Amino acid sequence: MADEVTYEVRGRIALITLNRPDYANAQNSAMTYALDAAFTRAVNDDEIAVLVLAGAGKHFCAGHDIGSPGRDADQSFDREAVLWWDHVGKDGADARYAREMEVYLGMCRRWREIPKPAIAMVHGACIAGGLMLAWVCDLIVAAQDAFFADPVVKMGVPGVEYFAHPWALGPRFAKEVLFTGGRFSAERAWQVGMVNQVVPRASLESATFALAEKVAEMPRFGLALAKRAVNQCEDLMGLRPGMDSVFGLHHLAHAHNAEVSGDSLGGLDARGMKQGG
């Protein structure tokens, strides 16, 4: 595991923490591969019953890394679960599609389907790619200071790669979130059913671990089957094929941007995405 993610065992709970606080835990590839290793470690440890996913510093996760000094979109990493050929050295959409198929859509699907319950412990910003990390978890506990957004329509892109919006938010609120690019609060997220609990910032860790301990008391196999049952029903409601179809639209948008402006992100950087948010 890279330093971008830390791993701590607390009894029967694995605490997995995003660890790029200087960049609001923006996700570079080093972080996503380290997350994959951390989830794998927790699944393979029979003493671990529940995973908690957290963020170091002031924010949970500000999204994909689109401009920090640690951005590594042109680098290759050791790949245990190959989902597509390596993106490094490829041209145009071939490179973008291969990378995002693996580190965004593919890995998020792997994490959603692990047999152990996962709880996201969210504070501060949970933006775009941060939503993806929260949404792959089974439960979400949010601090009152948490806020959420998917502003990538500003780039001309119809939402992040792991497109769970209609299922996590409901169709109409999903459209509002995407059409405006604006932030919504933890309270609003609770009202639409996206989060399970909203608690004071000072109580976030204790509330999350209290919930994790309660879940950990349940039979392991029963939890795995219950999780799989709900996930299968979501997929029967169209989540998986819906994501596949929108992933194509996502890459159409990148290709369009690259063709008309020479930049797959439509000329926007992290500062440009933040303005008006």
Protein backbone atom coordinates (compact mmCIF):
# COMPACT_ATOMS: atom_id res chain seq x y z
CA MET A 1 0.00 0.00 0.00
CA ALA A 2 1.15 3.53 -0.81
CA ASP A 3 1.26 6.34 1.73
CA GLU A 4 -1.85 7.83 0.10
CA VAL A 5 -3.96 5.42 2.18
CA THR A 6 -3.50 4.32 5.79
CA TYR A 7 -4.84 1.14 7.37
CA GLU A 8 -5.63 0.62 11.04
CA VAL A 9 -7.27 -2.28 12.86
CA ARG A 10 -9.57 -1.49 15.77
CA GLY A 11 -10.88 -4.75 17.11
CA ARG A 12 -13.10 -6.21 14.39
CA ILE A 13 -13.12 -2.98 12.37
CA ALA A 14 -10.65 -1.91 9.68
CA LEU A 15 -10.23 1.86 9.42
CA ILE A 16 -9.12 2.81 5.90
CA THR A 17 -8.18 6.48 5.58
CA LEU A 18 -7.56 8.58 2.47
CA ASN A 19 -4.28 10.32 3.24
CA ARG A 20 -3.61 13.28 0.95
CA PRO A 21 -4.87 16.00 3.31
CA ASP A 22 -2.80 18.75 1.67
CA TYR A 23 -4.88 18.23 -1.48
CA ALA A 24 -8.22 17.54 0.22
CA ASN A 25 -7.66 13.82 -0.47
CA ALA A 26 -7.93 14.23 -4.22
CA GLN A 27 -7.72 10.81 -5.86
CA ASN A 28 -4.65 10.09 -7.92
CA SER A 29 -3.97 6.60 -9.22
CA ALA A 30 -1.61 5.86 -6.35
CA MET A 31 -4.55 6.38 -4.00
CA THR A 32 -6.98 4.20 -5.95
CA TYR A 33 -4.54 1.29 -6.15
CA ALA A 34 -3.72 1.69 -2.46
CA LEU A 35 -7.45 1.67 -1.69
CA ASP A 36 -7.82 -1.52 -3.69
CA ALA A 37 -5.02 -3.09 -1.65
CA ALA A 38 -6.63 -1.93 1.61
CA PHE A 39 -10.05 -3.33 0.72
CA THR A 40 -8.41 -6.60 -0.31
CA ARG A 41 -6.49 -6.76 2.96
CA ALA A 42 -9.67 -6.25 4.99
CA VAL A 43 -11.61 -8.87 3.03
CA ASN A 44 -8.85 -11.44 3.47
CA ASP A 45 -8.55 -10.89 7.23
CA ASP A 46 -11.04 -13.19 8.98
CA GLU A 47 -10.83 -11.06 12.13
CA ILE A 48 -12.27 -8.03 10.30
CA ALA A 49 -16.07 -7.80 10.18
CA VAL A 50 -16.66 -4.20 9.03
CA LEU A 51 -14.71 -1.58 7.10
CA VAL A 52 -14.82 2.16 7.79
CA LEU A 53 -13.66 4.55 5.04
CA ALA A 54 -12.55 8.00 6.19
CA GLY A 55 -10.56 11.01 5.02
CA ALA A 56 -7.61 12.66 6.78
CA GLY A 57 -7.59 16.39 7.40
CA LYS A 58 -10.39 18.87 6.73
CA HIS A 59 -12.22 16.96 4.00
CA PHE A 60 -13.33 13.45 3.07
CA CYS A 61 -12.45 13.72 -0.63
CA ALA A 62 -12.46 16.59 -3.12
CA GLY A 63 -12.72 14.26 -6.14
CA HIS A 64 -10.35 13.15 -8.87
CA ASP A 65 -6.90 14.71 -8.94
CA ILE A 66 -6.94 17.01 -11.97
CA GLY A 67 -3.94 19.16 -11.16
CA SER A 68 -1.94 18.52 -7.98
CA PRO A 69 1.84 17.88 -8.12
CA GLY A 70 1.03 14.22 -7.42
CA ARG A 71 -1.22 13.75 -10.44
CA ASP A 72 -0.17 10.51 -12.08
CA ALA A 73 -2.60 9.84 -14.93
CA ASP A 74 0.35 9.00 -17.21
CA GLN A 75 1.83 6.38 -14.90
CA SER A 76 1.32 2.65 -14.73
CA PHE A 77 0.80 0.66 -11.52
CA ASP A 78 0.92 -2.99 -10.51
CA ARG A 79 -2.46 -4.41 -11.45
CA GLU A 80 -3.81 -7.52 -9.78
CA ALA A 81 -7.23 -7.39 -11.44
CA VAL A 82 -6.72 -6.37 -15.06
CA LEU A 83 -9.91 -4.88 -16.46
CA TRP A 84 -8.49 -3.47 -19.70
CA TRP A 85 -5.03 -3.14 -21.23
CA ASP A 86 -2.71 -0.63 -19.60
CA HIS A 87 -3.44 2.97 -20.60
CA VAL A 88 0.19 4.11 -20.63
CA GLY A 89 1.55 4.67 -24.12
CA LYS A 90 -1.85 4.64 -25.79
CA ASP A 91 -3.30 7.52 -27.80
CA GLY A 92 -6.41 9.61 -27.36
CA ALA A 93 -9.59 7.99 -26.12
CA ASP A 94 -7.81 4.63 -25.89
CA ALA A 95 -5.73 5.91 -22.96
CA ARG A 96 -8.61 7.66 -21.17
CA TYR A 97 -11.04 4.78 -21.60
CA ALA A 98 -8.56 2.15 -20.40
CA ARG A 99 -7.52 4.14 -17.33
CA GLU A 100 -11.02 5.12 -16.24
CA MET A 101 -12.40 1.64 -16.91
CA GLU A 102 -9.91 0.35 -14.37
CA VAL A 103 -9.27 2.97 -11.69
CA TYR A 104 -12.74 4.50 -11.54
CA LEU A 105 -15.62 2.36 -12.78
CA GLY A 106 -13.93 -1.01 -12.39
CA MET A 107 -12.42 -0.51 -8.95
CA CYS A 108 -15.56 1.09 -7.56
CA ARG A 109 -17.57 -1.92 -8.68
CA ARG A 110 -15.06 -4.26 -7.01
CA TRP A 111 -15.33 -2.33 -3.75
CA ARG A 112 -19.14 -2.22 -3.84
CA GLU A 113 -19.24 -6.00 -4.15
CA ILE A 114 -16.88 -7.02 -1.35
CA PRO A 115 -18.65 -9.41 1.07
CA LYS A 116 -18.10 -7.30 4.19
CA PRO A 117 -20.12 -4.20 5.10
CA ALA A 118 -18.39 -0.86 4.55
CA ILE A 119 -19.31 2.45 6.18
CA ALA A 120 -18.24 5.84 4.83
CA MET A 121 -17.41 8.38 7.54
CA VAL A 122 -17.81 11.70 5.72
CA HIS A 123 -16.86 15.20 6.78
CA GLY A 124 -16.15 18.38 4.86
CA ALA A 125 -16.09 18.10 1.07
CA CYS A 126 -17.34 15.00 -0.73
CA ILE A 127 -17.14 16.11 -4.34
CA ALA A 128 -17.52 14.21 -7.64
CA GLY A 129 -15.05 11.32 -7.30
CA GLY A 130 -15.55 11.57 -3.55
CA LEU A 131 -19.21 10.71 -4.08
CA MET A 132 -18.10 7.55 -5.85
CA LEU A 133 -16.10 6.45 -2.81
CA ALA A 134 -18.98 7.16 -0.45
CA TRP A 135 -21.53 5.48 -2.72
CA VAL A 136 -19.64 2.18 -2.93
CA CYS A 137 -20.01 1.91 0.84
CA ASP A 138 -23.12 0.27 2.25
CA LEU A 139 -23.81 2.91 4.89
CA ILE A 140 -22.87 6.59 5.15
CA VAL A 141 -22.52 8.58 8.37
CA ALA A 142 -22.06 12.28 7.67
CA ALA A 143 -20.95 15.12 9.88
CA GLN A 144 -23.12 18.23 9.91
CA ASP A 145 -20.31 20.09 8.13
CA ALA A 146 -20.28 17.65 5.20
CA PHE A 147 -21.29 18.88 1.77
CA PHE A 148 -21.69 17.06 -1.52
CA ALA A 149 -21.62 17.94 -5.23
CA ASP A 150 -20.95 16.59 -8.69
CA PRO A 151 -20.00 19.68 -10.73
CA VAL A 152 -18.47 17.92 -13.73
CA VAL A 153 -21.25 19.04 -16.07
CA LYS A 154 -19.23 22.29 -16.06
CA MET A 155 -16.78 20.30 -18.19
CA GLY A 156 -19.58 19.14 -20.47
CA VAL A 157 -19.35 15.68 -18.87
CA PRO A 158 -22.64 14.08 -17.68
CA GLY A 159 -21.48 13.04 -14.19
CA VAL A 160 -18.65 11.02 -12.70
CA GLU A 161 -17.74 7.57 -13.99
CA TYR A 162 -19.48 5.53 -11.28
CA PHE A 163 -22.89 6.92 -12.19
CA ALA A 164 -25.05 5.94 -9.21
CA HIS A 165 -26.86 9.28 -9.11
CA PRO A 166 -30.46 8.18 -9.93
CA TRP A 167 -30.25 5.34 -7.40
CA ALA A 168 -28.47 7.25 -4.63
CA LEU A 169 -30.41 10.51 -5.03
CA GLY A 170 -33.58 9.73 -6.96
CA PRO A 171 -34.03 10.88 -10.56
CA ARG A 172 -35.29 14.43 -9.99
CA PHE A 173 -32.78 15.42 -7.34
CA ALA A 174 -30.03 13.75 -9.38
CA LYS A 175 -30.95 16.04 -12.27
CA GLU A 176 -30.92 19.10 -10.00
CA VAL A 177 -27.49 18.17 -8.64
CA LEU A 178 -26.09 17.65 -12.15
CA PHE A 179 -27.87 20.53 -13.89
CA THR A 180 -26.74 23.12 -11.33
CA GLY A 181 -23.40 21.70 -10.22
CA GLY A 182 -24.20 23.09 -6.79
CA ARG A 183 -23.49 21.74 -3.36
CA PHE A 184 -26.03 20.05 -1.13
CA SER A 185 -25.82 19.61 2.61
CA ALA A 186 -25.63 16.55 4.80
CA GLU A 187 -29.17 17.27 5.94
CA ARG A 188 -30.42 17.30 2.36
CA ALA A 189 -28.51 14.08 1.67
CA TRP A 190 -30.28 12.50 4.64
CA GLN A 191 -33.68 13.75 3.42
CA VAL A 192 -33.27 12.02 0.05
CA GLY A 193 -31.98 8.83 1.66
CA MET A 194 -28.35 9.09 0.54
CA VAL A 195 -26.91 9.03 4.06
CA ASN A 196 -27.97 7.02 7.11
CA GLN A 197 -27.08 9.45 9.88
CA VAL A 198 -26.10 13.10 10.27
CA VAL A 199 -24.22 13.86 13.47
CA PRO A 200 -22.22 16.74 14.97
CA ARG A 201 -18.66 16.89 13.67
CA ALA A 202 -17.29 16.15 17.15
CA SER A 203 -19.39 12.97 17.33
CA LEU A 204 -18.64 11.65 13.84
CA GLU A 205 -16.04 9.07 14.75
CA SER A 206 -17.82 7.77 17.84
CA ALA A 207 -21.16 7.52 16.02
CA THR A 208 -19.60 5.75 13.04
CA PHE A 209 -17.74 3.21 15.17
CA ALA A 210 -20.81 2.61 17.32
CA LEU A 211 -22.72 1.70 14.16
CA ALA A 212 -19.83 -0.42 12.91
CA GLU A 213 -19.67 -2.32 16.21
CA LYS A 214 -23.39 -3.01 16.06
CA VAL A 215 -23.12 -4.35 12.52
CA ALA A 216 -20.07 -6.44 13.46
CA GLU A 217 -22.21 -8.40 15.95
CA MET A 218 -24.25 -9.94 13.14
CA PRO A 219 -23.30 -13.29 11.54
CA ARG A 220 -20.64 -12.81 8.89
CA PHE A 221 -22.26 -14.94 6.20
CA GLY A 222 -25.67 -13.44 6.87
CA LEU A 223 -24.22 -9.96 6.36
CA ALA A 224 -22.55 -11.02 3.13
CA LEU A 225 -25.78 -12.50 1.78
CA ALA A 226 -27.88 -9.50 2.87
CA LYS A 227 -25.45 -7.14 1.17
CA ARG A 228 -25.47 -9.21 -2.00
CA ALA A 229 -29.28 -9.37 -1.94
CA VAL A 230 -29.66 -5.59 -1.86
CA ASN A 231 -26.95 -5.08 -4.48
CA GLN A 232 -28.58 -7.62 -6.79
CA CYS A 233 -31.91 -5.83 -6.46
CA GLU A 234 -30.25 -2.50 -7.29
CA ASP A 235 -28.72 -4.11 -10.37
CA LEU A 236 -32.13 -5.49 -11.37
CA MET A 237 -33.41 -1.92 -11.05
CA GLY A 238 -30.88 -1.04 -13.74
CA LEU A 239 -27.87 0.23 -11.80
CA ARG A 240 -25.19 -1.85 -13.51
CA PRO A 241 -26.38 -1.51 -17.15
CA GLY A 242 -27.23 2.13 -16.44
CA MET A 243 -23.65 2.77 -15.39
CA ASP A 244 -22.36 1.00 -18.50
CA SER A 245 -24.47 3.18 -20.76
CA VAL A 246 -23.50 6.42 -19.00
CA PHE A 247 -19.80 5.45 -19.03
CA GLY A 248 -20.06 5.60 -22.81
CA LEU A 249 -21.63 9.06 -22.64
CA HIS A 250 -18.91 10.14 -20.22
CA HIS A 251 -16.24 9.21 -22.73
CA LEU A 252 -18.14 10.76 -25.62
CA ALA A 253 -17.93 14.01 -23.64
CA HIS A 254 -14.18 13.63 -23.07
CA ALA A 255 -13.63 12.89 -26.76
CA HIS A 256 -15.78 15.86 -27.79
CA ASN A 257 -13.80 18.17 -25.50
CA ALA A 258 -10.52 16.86 -26.88
CA GLU A 259 -11.71 17.37 -30.46
CA VAL A 260 -13.01 20.91 -30.07
CA SER A 261 -10.51 22.28 -27.52
CA GLY A 262 -7.59 19.86 -27.37
CA ASP A 263 -8.30 19.19 -23.69
CA SER A 264 -10.46 16.27 -22.54
CA LEU A 265 -11.44 18.27 -19.41
CA GLY A 266 -12.76 21.19 -21.45
CA GLY A 267 -10.02 23.53 -20.26
CA LEU A 268 -11.07 23.40 -16.61
CA ASP A 269 -8.76 22.82 -13.67
CA ALA A 270 -9.54 22.34 -9.98
CA ARG A 271 -9.90 26.10 -9.43
CA GLY A 272 -12.27 26.45 -12.37
CA MET A 273 -14.39 23.58 -11.11
CA LYS A 274 -14.60 25.14 -7.66
CA GLN A 275 -15.76 28.55 -8.84
CA GLY A 276 -19.47 28.99 -8.38
CA GLY A 277 -19.75 25.73 -6.42
